[in-house]
PDB file of N, CA and C in Angstrom:
ATOM      1  N   MET A   1     120.935 -73.695 -59.608  1.00  0.00           N
ATOM      2  CA  MET A   1     120.642 -72.455 -59.611  1.00  0.00           C
ATOM      3  C   MET A   1     119.308 -72.105 -59.382  1.00  0.00           C
ATOM      4  N   LYS A   2     118.946 -71.150 -58.523  1.00  0.00           N
ATOM      5  CA  LYS A   2     118.134 -70.599 -57.785  1.00  0.00           C
ATOM      6  C   LYS A   2     116.936 -69.642 -58.516  1.00  0.00           C
ATOM      7  N   LYS A   3     116.125 -69.978 -58.205  1.00  0.00           N
ATOM      8  CA  LYS A   3     115.007 -69.201 -59.298  1.00  0.00           C
ATOM      9  C   LYS A   3     114.238 -68.073 -58.661  1.00  0.00           C
ATOM     10  N   ILE A   4     114.002 -66.666 -59.166  1.00  0.00           N
ATOM     11  CA  ILE A   4     113.500 -66.103 -58.334  1.00  0.00           C
ATOM     12  C   ILE A   4     112.246 -65.610 -58.213  1.00  0.00           C
ATOM     13  N   ALA A   5     111.177 -66.308 -59.316  1.00  0.00           N
ATOM     14  CA  ALA A   5     110.029 -66.200 -60.022  1.00  0.00           C
ATOM     15  C   ALA A   5     109.548 -67.551 -59.841  1.00  0.00           C
ATOM     16  N   PRO A   6     108.542 -68.112 -59.266  1.00  0.00           N
ATOM     17  CA  PRO A   6     108.098 -69.514 -59.627  1.00  0.00           C
ATOM     18  C   PRO A   6     107.284 -69.969 -61.193  1.00  0.00           C
ATOM     19  N   ASP A   7     107.448 -71.077 -61.217  1.00  0.00           N
ATOM     20  CA  ASP A   7     106.766 -71.586 -62.572  1.00  0.00           C
ATOM     21  C   ASP A   7     105.786 -70.854 -62.577  1.00  0.00           C
ATOM     22  N   PRO A   8     104.885 -70.310 -63.740  1.00  0.00           N
ATOM     23  CA  PRO A   8     103.359 -70.215 -64.006  1.00  0.00           C
ATOM     24  C   PRO A   8     102.790 -71.324 -63.292  1.00  0.00           C
ATOM     25  N   PRO A   9     101.364 -71.382 -62.777  1.00  0.00           N
ATOM     26  CA  PRO A   9     100.858 -72.512 -63.034  1.00  0.00           C
ATOM     27  C   PRO A   9     100.230 -73.171 -64.195  1.00  0.00           C
ATOM     28  N   CYS A  10      99.843 -74.883 -64.459  1.00  0.00           N
ATOM     29  CA  CYS A  10      99.633 -75.133 -65.497  1.00  0.00           C
ATOM     30  C   CYS A  10      98.423 -75.312 -65.475  1.00  0.00           C
ATOM     31  N   LEU A  11      97.930 -74.688 -66.299  1.00  0.00           N
ATOM     32  CA  LEU A  11      96.586 -74.953 -67.083  1.00  0.00           C
ATOM     33  C   LEU A  11      96.155 -75.261 -68.220  1.00  0.00           C
ATOM     34  N   THR A  12      95.087 -76.123 -68.148  1.00  0.00           N
ATOM     35  CA  THR A  12      95.117 -76.646 -69.732  1.00  0.00           C
ATOM     36  C   THR A  12      94.356 -75.324 -70.426  1.00  0.00           C
ATOM     37  N   LEU A  13      94.094 -75.774 -71.865  1.00  0.00           N
ATOM     38  CA  LEU A  13      93.186 -74.506 -72.166  1.00  0.00           C
ATOM     39  C   LEU A  13      91.699 -74.262 -72.073  1.00  0.00           C
ATOM     40  N   HIS A  14      91.535 -75.533 -71.461  1.00  0.00           N
ATOM     41  CA  HIS A  14      90.101 -75.223 -71.265  1.00  0.00           C
ATOM     42  C   HIS A  14      89.911 -74.630 -69.951  1.00  0.00           C
ATOM     43  N   ASP A  15      90.435 -74.901 -68.771  1.00  0.00           N
ATOM     44  CA  ASP A  15      90.920 -74.600 -67.477  1.00  0.00           C
ATOM     45  C   ASP A  15      90.771 -72.860 -67.511  1.00  0.00           C
ATOM     46  N   ALA A  16      91.772 -72.514 -68.683  1.00  0.00           N
ATOM     47  CA  ALA A  16      92.022 -71.004 -69.016  1.00  0.00           C
ATOM     48  C   ALA A  16      90.839 -70.038 -69.424  1.00  0.00           C
ATOM     49  N   ALA A  17      90.225 -71.299 -70.241  1.00  0.00           N
ATOM     50  CA  ALA A  17      89.004 -70.541 -71.188  1.00  0.00           C
ATOM     51  C   ALA A  17      87.405 -70.047 -69.850  1.00  0.00           C
ATOM     52  N   GLN A  18      87.716 -70.912 -69.252  1.00  0.00           N
ATOM     53  CA  GLN A  18      86.436 -70.991 -67.964  1.00  0.00           C
ATOM     54  C   GLN A  18      86.968 -70.291 -67.236  1.00  0.00           C
ATOM     55  N   ARG A  19      88.228 -70.052 -66.676  1.00  0.00           N
ATOM     56  CA  ARG A  19      88.237 -69.091 -65.581  1.00  0.00           C
ATOM     57  C   ARG A  19      87.996 -67.732 -65.963  1.00  0.00           C
ATOM     58  N   ASP A  20      88.526 -67.496 -67.417  1.00  0.00           N
ATOM     59  CA  ASP A  20      88.598 -66.242 -68.428  1.00  0.00           C
ATOM     60  C   ASP A  20      86.782 -66.061 -68.040  1.00  0.00           C
ATOM     61  N   ALA A  21      85.807 -67.076 -68.436  1.00  0.00           N
ATOM     62  CA  ALA A  21      84.793 -66.351 -68.268  1.00  0.00           C
ATOM     63  C   ALA A  21      84.327 -66.262 -67.077  1.00  0.00           C
ATOM     64  N   GLN A  22      84.610 -66.682 -66.236  1.00  0.00           N
ATOM     65  CA  GLN A  22      84.088 -66.800 -64.643  1.00  0.00           C
ATOM     66  C   GLN A  22      84.311 -65.021 -64.717  1.00  0.00           C
ATOM     67  N   SER A  23      85.855 -64.628 -64.998  1.00  0.00           N
ATOM     68  CA  SER A  23      86.037 -63.013 -64.303  1.00  0.00           C
ATOM     69  C   SER A  23      85.152 -62.557 -65.285  1.00  0.00           C
ATOM     70  N   LEU A  24      84.794 -62.909 -66.634  1.00  0.00           N
ATOM     71  CA  LEU A  24      84.026 -61.782 -67.438  1.00  0.00           C
ATOM     72  C   LEU A  24      82.817 -61.938 -66.705  1.00  0.00           C
ATOM     73  N   ASP A  25      82.089 -63.044 -66.324  1.00  0.00           N
ATOM     74  CA  ASP A  25      81.020 -62.763 -65.757  1.00  0.00           C
ATOM     75  C   ASP A  25      80.706 -62.353 -64.594  1.00  0.00           C
ATOM     76  N   ARG A  26      81.802 -61.940 -63.803  1.00  0.00           N
ATOM     77  CA  ARG A  26      81.817 -61.359 -62.454  1.00  0.00           C
ATOM     78  C   ARG A  26      81.932 -59.966 -62.673  1.00  0.00           C
ATOM     79  N   ALA A  27      82.834 -59.826 -63.501  1.00  0.00           N
ATOM     80  CA  ALA A  27      83.220 -58.111 -63.677  1.00  0.00           C
ATOM     81  C   ALA A  27      81.987 -57.859 -64.922  1.00  0.00           C
ATOM     82  N   ALA A  28      80.742 -58.393 -65.126  1.00  0.00           N
ATOM     83  CA  ALA A  28      79.875 -57.820 -65.855  1.00  0.00           C
ATOM     84  C   ALA A  28      78.902 -57.712 -64.617  1.00  0.00           C
ATOM     85  N   ALA A  29      78.692 -58.390 -63.718  1.00  0.00           N
ATOM     86  CA  ALA A  29      77.904 -58.418 -62.725  1.00  0.00           C
ATOM     87  C   ALA A  29      78.354 -56.978 -61.694  1.00  0.00           C
ATOM     88  N   ASP A  30      79.260 -57.092 -61.790  1.00  0.00           N
ATOM     89  CA  ASP A  30      79.769 -55.540 -61.004  1.00  0.00           C
ATOM     90  C   ASP A  30      79.481 -54.596 -61.659  1.00  0.00           C
ATOM     91  N   ARG A  31      79.873 -54.239 -62.883  1.00  0.00           N
ATOM     92  CA  ARG A  31      79.272 -53.578 -63.668  1.00  0.00           C
ATOM     93  C   ARG A  31      77.434 -53.060 -63.510  1.00  0.00           C
ATOM     94  N   ALA A  32      76.911 -54.059 -63.256  1.00  0.00           N
ATOM     95  CA  ALA A  32      74.967 -53.953 -63.411  1.00  0.00           C
ATOM     96  C   ALA A  32      75.266 -53.387 -61.723  1.00  0.00           C
ATOM     97  N   LEU A  33      75.676 -54.127 -60.843  1.00  0.00           N
ATOM     98  CA  LEU A  33      75.214 -53.480 -59.129  1.00  0.00           C
ATOM     99  C   LEU A  33      75.542 -52.327 -59.222  1.00  0.00           C
ATOM    100  N   ASP A  34      76.931 -51.935 -59.917  1.00  0.00           N
ATOM    101  CA  ASP A  34      77.449 -50.430 -59.640  1.00  0.00           C
ATOM    102  C   ASP A  34      76.420 -49.377 -60.330  1.00  0.00           C
ATOM    103  N   PHE A  35      76.043 -49.830 -61.298  1.00  0.00           N
ATOM    104  CA  PHE A  35      75.126 -49.110 -62.195  1.00  0.00           C
ATOM    105  C   PHE A  35      74.009 -48.877 -61.284  1.00  0.00           C
ATOM    106  N   TYR A  36      73.457 -49.403 -61.176  1.00  0.00           N
ATOM    107  CA  TYR A  36      71.547 -49.506 -60.627  1.00  0.00           C
ATOM    108  C   TYR A  36      71.973 -49.532 -58.740  1.00  0.00           C
ATOM    109  N   LEU A  37      73.188 -49.699 -58.243  1.00  0.00           N
ATOM    110  CA  LEU A  37      72.768 -49.427 -56.608  1.00  0.00           C
ATOM    111  C   LEU A  37      73.724 -48.481 -56.608  1.00  0.00           C
ATOM    112  N   LEU A  38      74.883 -47.922 -57.142  1.00  0.00           N
ATOM    113  CA  LEU A  38      75.523 -47.013 -56.794  1.00  0.00           C
ATOM    114  C   LEU A  38      75.169 -45.202 -57.326  1.00  0.00           C
ATOM    115  N   THR A  39      74.085 -45.656 -57.863  1.00  0.00           N
ATOM    116  CA  THR A  39      73.714 -44.457 -58.341  1.00  0.00           C
ATOM    117  C   THR A  39      73.742 -43.054 -57.741  1.00  0.00           C
ATOM    118  N   PRO A  40      74.569 -41.937 -58.141  1.00  0.00           N
ATOM    119  CA  PRO A  40      74.529 -40.788 -57.140  1.00  0.00           C
ATOM    120  C   PRO A  40      73.285 -40.401 -56.894  1.00  0.00           C
ATOM    121  N   LYS A  41      73.321 -39.982 -55.716  1.00  0.00           N
ATOM    122  CA  LYS A  41      71.358 -39.524 -55.669  1.00  0.00           C
ATOM    123  C   LYS A  41      71.592 -38.227 -54.978  1.00  0.00           C
ATOM    124  N   PRO A  42      71.183 -36.786 -55.432  1.00  0.00           N
ATOM    125  CA  PRO A  42      71.364 -35.697 -55.095  1.00  0.00           C
ATOM    126  C   PRO A  42      71.228 -35.555 -53.348  1.00  0.00           C
ATOM    127  N   PRO A  43      71.925 -34.314 -52.923  1.00  0.00           N
ATOM    128  CA  PRO A  43      71.336 -34.270 -51.150  1.00  0.00           C
ATOM    129  C   PRO A  43      69.931 -33.829 -51.300  1.00  0.00           C
ATOM    130  N   ARG A  44      68.885 -33.856 -50.050  1.00  0.00           N
ATOM    131  CA  ARG A  44      67.852 -33.723 -49.994  1.00  0.00           C
ATOM    132  C   ARG A  44      68.385 -32.201 -49.036  1.00  0.00           C
ATOM    133  N   PRO A  45      68.047 -30.903 -49.149  1.00  0.00           N
ATOM    134  CA  PRO A  45      68.450 -30.083 -48.203  1.00  0.00           C
ATOM    135  C   PRO A  45      67.727 -30.491 -46.738  1.00  0.00           C
ATOM    136  N   VAL A  46      68.271 -30.378 -45.734  1.00  0.00           N
ATOM    137  CA  VAL A  46      67.661 -30.713 -44.355  1.00  0.00           C
ATOM    138  C   VAL A  46      66.166 -30.009 -44.250  1.00  0.00           C
ATOM    139  N   GLY A  47      66.141 -28.281 -44.090  1.00  0.00           N
ATOM    140  CA  GLY A  47      64.903 -28.213 -43.843  1.00  0.00           C
ATOM    141  C   GLY A  47      63.466 -28.238 -45.030  1.00  0.00           C
ATOM    142  N   MET A  48      64.063 -29.132 -46.118  1.00  0.00           N
ATOM    143  CA  MET A  48      62.963 -29.720 -47.595  1.00  0.00           C
ATOM    144  C   MET A  48      62.215 -30.338 -46.971  1.00  0.00           C
ATOM    145  N   PRO A  49      60.790 -30.548 -46.685  1.00  0.00           N
ATOM    146  CA  PRO A  49      59.794 -32.028 -45.917  1.00  0.00           C
ATOM    147  C   PRO A  49      60.079 -32.573 -47.577  1.00  0.00           C
ATOM    148  N   THR A  50      59.362 -34.551 -46.954  1.00  0.00           N
ATOM    149  CA  THR A  50      59.395 -35.076 -47.752  1.00  0.00           C
ATOM    150  C   THR A  50      58.122 -35.089 -48.571  1.00  0.00           C
ATOM    151  N   TYR A  51      57.378 -34.551 -48.292  1.00  0.00           N
ATOM    152  CA  TYR A  51      56.007 -34.423 -49.026  1.00  0.00           C
ATOM    153  C   TYR A  51      55.509 -33.087 -48.550  1.00  0.00           C
ATOM    154  N   ALA A  52      55.128 -32.411 -49.656  1.00  0.00           N
ATOM    155  CA  ALA A  52      54.672 -31.218 -49.600  1.00  0.00           C
ATOM    156  C   ALA A  52      53.139 -31.472 -49.883  1.00  0.00           C
ATOM    157  N   ILE A  53      52.302 -30.558 -48.805  1.00  0.00           N
ATOM    158  CA  ILE A  53      50.897 -30.492 -48.602  1.00  0.00           C
ATOM    159  C   ILE A  53      50.188 -29.343 -49.029  1.00  0.00           C
ATOM    160  N   PRO A  54      49.347 -29.321 -50.259  1.00  0.00           N
ATOM    161  CA  PRO A  54      49.133 -27.877 -50.667  1.00  0.00           C
ATOM    162  C   PRO A  54      48.305 -27.176 -49.697  1.00  0.00           C
ATOM    163  N   ASP A  55      48.355 -25.626 -50.022  1.00  0.00           N
ATOM    164  CA  ASP A  55      47.567 -25.100 -48.737  1.00  0.00           C
ATOM    165  C   ASP A  55      46.293 -25.218 -49.244  1.00  0.00           C
ATOM    166  N   SER A  56      45.941 -25.484 -50.023  1.00  0.00           N
ATOM    167  CA  SER A  56      44.483 -25.706 -50.689  1.00  0.00           C
ATOM    168  C   SER A  56      43.686 -26.446 -49.710  1.00  0.00           C
ATOM    169  N   VAL A  57      44.498 -27.755 -49.353  1.00  0.00           N
ATOM    170  CA  VAL A  57      43.390 -28.602 -48.164  1.00  0.00           C
ATOM    171  C   VAL A  57      42.927 -28.476 -46.880  1.00  0.00           C
ATOM    172  N   ASN A  58      41.499 -28.445 -47.234  1.00  0.00           N
ATOM    173  CA  ASN A  58      40.785 -27.432 -45.946  1.00  0.00           C
ATOM    174  C   ASN A  58      41.453 -28.787 -44.698  1.00  0.00           C
ATOM    175  N   VAL A  59      40.626 -28.543 -43.331  1.00  0.00           N
ATOM    176  CA  VAL A  59      41.116 -28.892 -42.126  1.00  0.00           C
ATOM    177  C   VAL A  59      40.563 -30.276 -42.352  1.00  0.00           C
ATOM    178  N   GLU A  60      39.489 -30.402 -42.671  1.00  0.00           N
ATOM    179  CA  GLU A  60      38.787 -31.601 -42.587  1.00  0.00           C
ATOM    180  C   GLU A  60      39.596 -32.917 -43.484  1.00  0.00           C
ATOM    181  N   ALA A  61      39.576 -32.435 -44.808  1.00  0.00           N
ATOM    182  CA  ALA A  61      40.285 -33.204 -45.334  1.00  0.00           C
ATOM    183  C   ALA A  61      41.421 -33.753 -45.156  1.00  0.00           C
ATOM    184  N   ALA A  62      42.191 -32.520 -44.504  1.00  0.00           N
ATOM    185  CA  ALA A  62      43.647 -33.281 -44.132  1.00  0.00           C
ATOM    186  C   ALA A  62      43.409 -34.054 -43.046  1.00  0.00           C
ATOM    187  N   LEU A  63      42.397 -33.730 -41.813  1.00  0.00           N
ATOM    188  CA  LEU A  63      42.421 -34.757 -40.710  1.00  0.00           C
ATOM    189  C   LEU A  63      41.479 -36.281 -41.176  1.00  0.00           C
ATOM    190  N   ALA A  64      41.033 -35.940 -42.455  1.00  0.00           N
ATOM    191  CA  ALA A  64      40.730 -37.339 -42.860  1.00  0.00           C
ATOM    192  C   ALA A  64      41.623 -38.178 -43.269  1.00  0.00           C
ATOM    193  N   GLN A  65      42.783 -37.696 -43.745  1.00  0.00           N
ATOM    194  CA  GLN A  65      43.865 -38.113 -44.606  1.00  0.00           C
ATOM    195  C   GLN A  65      44.796 -38.720 -43.432  1.00  0.00           C
ATOM    196  N   ALA A  66      45.092 -37.814 -42.832  1.00  0.00           N
ATOM    197  CA  ALA A  66      46.072 -38.358 -41.317  1.00  0.00           C
ATOM    198  C   ALA A  66      44.945 -39.583 -40.525  1.00  0.00           C
ATOM    199  N   SER A  67      44.172 -39.339 -40.302  1.00  0.00           N
ATOM    200  CA  SER A  67      43.104 -40.917 -39.970  1.00  0.00           C
ATOM    201  C   SER A  67      43.409 -42.032 -40.429  1.00  0.00           C
ATOM    202  N   ASP A  68      43.421 -42.140 -41.778  1.00  0.00           N
ATOM    203  CA  ASP A  68      43.686 -42.952 -42.890  1.00  0.00           C
ATOM    204  C   ASP A  68      45.252 -43.851 -42.942  1.00  0.00           C
ATOM    205  N   LEU A  69      46.153 -42.766 -42.868  1.00  0.00           N
ATOM    206  CA  LEU A  69      47.493 -42.922 -43.057  1.00  0.00           C
ATOM    207  C   LEU A  69      47.892 -43.064 -41.269  1.00  0.00           C
ATOM    208  N   LEU A  70      46.960 -42.957 -40.551  1.00  0.00           N
ATOM    209  CA  LEU A  70      47.190 -43.692 -39.053  1.00  0.00           C
ATOM    210  C   LEU A  70      46.878 -45.215 -38.918  1.00  0.00           C
ATOM    211  N   ARG A  71      45.409 -45.132 -39.708  1.00  0.00           N
ATOM    212  CA  ARG A  71      45.063 -46.289 -39.025  1.00  0.00           C
ATOM    213  C   ARG A  71      45.999 -47.352 -40.128  1.00  0.00           C
ATOM    214  N   CYS A  72      46.868 -47.219 -41.386  1.00  0.00           N
ATOM    215  CA  CYS A  72      47.409 -47.820 -42.357  1.00  0.00           C
ATOM    216  C   CYS A  72      48.359 -48.505 -41.272  1.00  0.00           C
ATOM    217  N   ALA A  73      49.054 -47.471 -40.764  1.00  0.00           N
ATOM    218  CA  ALA A  73      50.362 -47.035 -39.660  1.00  0.00           C
ATOM    219  C   ALA A  73      49.767 -48.632 -38.759  1.00  0.00           C
ATOM    220  N   GLY A  74      49.120 -48.234 -37.851  1.00  0.00           N
ATOM    221  CA  GLY A  74      48.739 -49.285 -36.865  1.00  0.00           C
ATOM    222  C   GLY A  74      48.493 -50.604 -37.210  1.00  0.00           C
ATOM    223  N   ALA A  75      47.703 -50.831 -38.540  1.00  0.00           N
ATOM    224  CA  ALA A  75      48.191 -52.215 -39.472  1.00  0.00           C
ATOM    225  C   ALA A  75      48.837 -52.605 -39.791  1.00  0.00           C
ATOM    226  N   SER A  76      49.650 -51.666 -39.858  1.00  0.00           N
ATOM    227  CA  SER A  76      50.630 -52.266 -40.445  1.00  0.00           C
ATOM    228  C   SER A  76      52.178 -53.101 -39.200  1.00  0.00           C
ATOM    229  N   ALA A  77      51.771 -52.400 -38.285  1.00  0.00           N
ATOM    230  CA  ALA A  77      52.533 -52.494 -37.236  1.00  0.00           C
ATOM    231  C   ALA A  77      52.383 -53.295 -36.515  1.00  0.00           C
ATOM    232  N   SER A  78      50.786 -53.761 -36.159  1.00  0.00           N
ATOM    233  CA  SER A  78      50.025 -55.020 -35.771  1.00  0.00           C
ATOM    234  C   SER A  78      50.497 -56.225 -36.098  1.00  0.00           C
ATOM    235  N   GLU A  79      50.757 -56.200 -37.925  1.00  0.00           N
ATOM    236  CA  GLU A  79      51.112 -57.253 -38.957  1.00  0.00           C
ATOM    237  C   GLU A  79      52.512 -57.762 -38.649  1.00  0.00           C
ATOM    238  N   ALA A  80      53.980 -56.470 -38.629  1.00  0.00           N
ATOM    239  CA  ALA A  80      54.673 -56.790 -38.221  1.00  0.00           C
ATOM    240  C   ALA A  80      55.070 -57.379 -37.081  1.00  0.00           C
ATOM    241  N   GLY A  81      54.248 -56.960 -35.516  1.00  0.00           N
ATOM    242  CA  GLY A  81      54.272 -57.827 -34.823  1.00  0.00           C
ATOM    243  C   GLY A  81      53.743 -59.472 -34.815  1.00  0.00           C
ATOM    244  N   LYS A  82      53.041 -59.804 -35.437  1.00  0.00           N
ATOM    245  CA  LYS A  82      53.190 -60.805 -35.230  1.00  0.00           C
ATOM    246  C   LYS A  82      54.039 -61.842 -35.193  1.00  0.00           C
ATOM    247  N   GLY A  83      55.087 -62.237 -36.241  1.00  0.00           N
ATOM    248  CA  GLY A  83      55.882 -62.573 -36.560  1.00  0.00           C
ATOM    249  C   GLY A  83      57.146 -62.382 -35.488  1.00  0.00           C
ATOM    250  N   LEU A  84      57.104 -61.104 -34.227  1.00  0.00           N
ATOM    251  CA  LEU A  84      58.306 -61.010 -33.702  1.00  0.00           C
ATOM    252  C   LEU A  84      58.306 -61.444 -32.404  1.00  0.00           C
ATOM    253  N   SER A  85      59.020 -61.582 -31.456  1.00  0.00           N
ATOM    254  CA  SER A  85      59.032 -62.052 -29.857  1.00  0.00           C
ATOM    255  C   SER A  85      59.469 -61.008 -29.356  1.00  0.00           C
ATOM    256  N   GLY A  86      59.388 -61.287 -27.908  1.00  0.00           N
ATOM    257  CA  GLY A  86      60.044 -60.173 -26.984  1.00  0.00           C
ATOM    258  C   GLY A  86      60.691 -58.826 -27.108  1.00  0.00           C
ATOM    259  N   LEU A  87      61.337 -58.359 -26.797  1.00  0.00           N
ATOM    260  CA  LEU A  87      61.644 -56.730 -27.118  1.00  0.00           C
ATOM    261  C   LEU A  87      61.239 -56.146 -28.361  1.00  0.00           C
ATOM    262  N   GLN A  88      61.144 -56.472 -29.132  1.00  0.00           N
ATOM    263  CA  GLN A  88      61.141 -56.341 -30.886  1.00  0.00           C
ATOM    264  C   GLN A  88      59.785 -55.926 -30.776  1.00  0.00           C
ATOM    265  N   ARG A  89      58.988 -57.177 -30.342  1.00  0.00           N
ATOM    266  CA  ARG A  89      57.389 -57.661 -30.599  1.00  0.00           C
ATOM    267  C   ARG A  89      56.891 -56.276 -29.840  1.00  0.00           C
ATOM    268  N   ASP A  90      57.258 -56.239 -28.569  1.00  0.00           N
ATOM    269  CA  ASP A  90      56.682 -54.972 -27.796  1.00  0.00           C
ATOM    270  C   ASP A  90      56.987 -53.511 -28.225  1.00  0.00           C
ATOM    271  N   LEU A  91      58.051 -53.360 -28.798  1.00  0.00           N
ATOM    272  CA  LEU A  91      58.387 -51.942 -29.775  1.00  0.00           C
ATOM    273  C   LEU A  91      57.394 -52.066 -30.870  1.00  0.00           C
ATOM    274  N   VAL A  92      57.440 -53.229 -31.383  1.00  0.00           N
ATOM    275  CA  VAL A  92      56.653 -52.743 -32.601  1.00  0.00           C
ATOM    276  C   VAL A  92      54.969 -52.769 -32.389  1.00  0.00           C
ATOM    277  N   LEU A  93      54.594 -53.476 -31.195  1.00  0.00           N
ATOM    278  CA  LEU A  93      53.224 -53.462 -30.915  1.00  0.00           C
ATOM    279  C   LEU A  93      52.658 -51.713 -30.053  1.00  0.00           C
ATOM    280  N   SER A  94      53.815 -51.323 -29.807  1.00  0.00           N
ATOM    281  CA  SER A  94      53.976 -49.917 -28.548  1.00  0.00           C
ATOM    282  C   SER A  94      53.877 -49.306 -30.138  1.00  0.00           C
ATOM    283  N   VAL A  95      54.837 -49.301 -31.059  1.00  0.00           N
ATOM    284  CA  VAL A  95      53.965 -48.222 -31.939  1.00  0.00           C
ATOM    285  C   VAL A  95      53.037 -48.206 -32.528  1.00  0.00           C
ATOM    286  N   MET A  96      51.877 -49.658 -32.641  1.00  0.00           N
ATOM    287  CA  MET A  96      50.365 -49.838 -33.105  1.00  0.00           C
ATOM    288  C   MET A  96      49.931 -48.393 -32.292  1.00  0.00           C
ATOM    289  N   HIS A  97      50.152 -49.312 -31.163  1.00  0.00           N
ATOM    290  CA  HIS A  97      49.051 -48.470 -29.999  1.00  0.00           C
ATOM    291  C   HIS A  97      49.316 -47.013 -29.813  1.00  0.00           C
ATOM    292  N   LEU A  98      50.611 -46.343 -29.896  1.00  0.00           N
ATOM    293  CA  LEU A  98      50.544 -44.996 -30.068  1.00  0.00           C
ATOM    294  C   LEU A  98      49.957 -44.910 -31.369  1.00  0.00           C
ATOM    295  N   ALA A  99      49.615 -45.384 -32.372  1.00  0.00           N
ATOM    296  CA  ALA A  99      49.113 -44.624 -33.777  1.00  0.00           C
ATOM    297  C   ALA A  99      47.696 -44.712 -34.323  1.00  0.00           C
ATOM    298  N   GLU A 100      47.475 -45.995 -33.261  1.00  0.00           N
ATOM    299  CA  GLU A 100      45.645 -45.916 -32.674  1.00  0.00           C
ATOM    300  C   GLU A 100      45.202 -44.919 -31.400  1.00  0.00           C
ATOM    301  N   LEU A 101      45.794 -44.649 -31.062  1.00  0.00           N
ATOM    302  CA  LEU A 101      45.911 -43.038 -29.815  1.00  0.00           C
ATOM    303  C   LEU A 101      46.214 -41.901 -31.162  1.00  0.00           C
ATOM    304  N   ALA A 102      47.137 -42.223 -31.765  1.00  0.00           N
ATOM    305  CA  ALA A 102      46.899 -40.582 -32.419  1.00  0.00           C
ATOM    306  C   ALA A 102      45.622 -40.851 -33.344  1.00  0.00           C
ATOM    307  N   LYS A 103      45.288 -41.647 -33.626  1.00  0.00           N
ATOM    308  CA  LYS A 103      44.027 -41.634 -34.801  1.00  0.00           C
ATOM    309  C   LYS A 103      42.737 -41.311 -34.188  1.00  0.00           C
ATOM    310  N   ALA A 104      42.747 -42.021 -32.866  1.00  0.00           N
ATOM    311  CA  ALA A 104      41.791 -41.691 -31.754  1.00  0.00           C
ATOM    312  C   ALA A 104      41.732 -39.786 -31.377  1.00  0.00           C
ATOM    313  N   TYR A 105      42.483 -39.336 -31.286  1.00  0.00           N
ATOM    314  CA  TYR A 105      42.367 -37.786 -31.219  1.00  0.00           C
ATOM    315  C   TYR A 105      42.568 -37.185 -32.989  1.00  0.00           C
ATOM    316  N   VAL A 106      42.688 -37.591 -33.825  1.00  0.00           N
ATOM    317  CA  VAL A 106      42.351 -36.730 -34.675  1.00  0.00           C
ATOM    318  C   VAL A 106      40.887 -37.292 -35.538  1.00  0.00           C
ATOM    319  N   ASP A 107      40.357 -38.659 -35.138  1.00  0.00           N
ATOM    320  CA  ASP A 107      39.099 -38.757 -35.438  1.00  0.00           C
ATOM    321  C   ASP A 107      38.079 -37.941 -34.545  1.00  0.00           C
ATOM    322  N   LYS A 108      38.807 -37.572 -33.083  1.00  0.00           N
ATOM    323  CA  LYS A 108      37.705 -36.736 -31.958  1.00  0.00           C
ATOM    324  C   LYS A 108      37.862 -35.236 -33.048  1.00  0.00           C
ATOM    325  N   SER A 109      38.948 -34.876 -33.245  1.00  0.00           N
ATOM    326  CA  SER A 109      38.897 -33.517 -34.042  1.00  0.00           C
ATOM    327  C   SER A 109      38.333 -33.696 -34.772  1.00  0.00           C
ATOM    328  N   LEU A 110      38.033 -34.275 -35.680  1.00  0.00           N
ATOM    329  CA  LEU A 110      37.388 -34.506 -37.114  1.00  0.00           C
ATOM    330  C   LEU A 110      35.862 -34.522 -37.196  1.00  0.00           C
ATOM    331  N   ASP A 111      35.327 -35.223 -35.438  1.00  0.00           N
ATOM    332  CA  ASP A 111      34.123 -35.582 -35.222  1.00  0.00           C
ATOM    333  C   ASP A 111      33.395 -34.197 -34.502  1.00  0.00           C
ATOM    334  N   GLY A 112      34.644 -32.802 -34.155  1.00  0.00           N
ATOM    335  CA  GLY A 112      34.233 -31.794 -33.468  1.00  0.00           C
ATOM    336  C   GLY A 112      33.997 -30.631 -35.484  1.00  0.00           C
ATOM    337  N   LEU A 113      34.861 -31.228 -35.724  1.00  0.00           N
ATOM    338  CA  LEU A 113      34.483 -30.401 -36.929  1.00  0.00           C
ATOM    339  C   LEU A 113      33.435 -30.964 -37.682  1.00  0.00           C
ATOM    340  N   THR A 114      33.037 -31.620 -38.197  1.00  0.00           N
ATOM    341  CA  THR A 114      31.720 -31.997 -38.543  1.00  0.00           C
ATOM    342  C   THR A 114      30.242 -31.578 -37.836  1.00  0.00           C
ATOM    343  N   THR A 115      29.841 -31.130 -36.419  1.00  0.00           N
ATOM    344  CA  THR A 115      29.096 -30.902 -35.565  1.00  0.00           C
ATOM    345  C   THR A 115      29.210 -29.421 -35.767  1.00  0.00           C
ATOM    346  N   HIS A 116      30.588 -28.589 -36.264  1.00  0.00           N
ATOM    347  CA  HIS A 116      29.893 -27.212 -36.031  1.00  0.00           C
ATOM    348  C   HIS A 116      29.025 -26.785 -37.287  1.00  0.00           C
TER     349      HIS A 116
END
């Protein structure tokens, strides 16, 4: 007589318990990852800025803050470029130079404001 379904695999009680524990651990890990990584985030409207600068900020304070941010961006790009080589290093260091150039323009504007 020909069997339609094969015999089930022969597992010992210890192997079956271990396999069941592994599947439970995997299921728990999947639930945890889904909870922390797949949280639905409300979409941000396209026209809404990420950061809102209050209207009460004066021009001098805004330029000083922009200068500090550009200094940090240049320093970050410089550090990031140290570990790279080739075209990627050139791109990161060009970002550093653009940030330094923008900082120089902001600082020049800031100097013009303080002399008036």
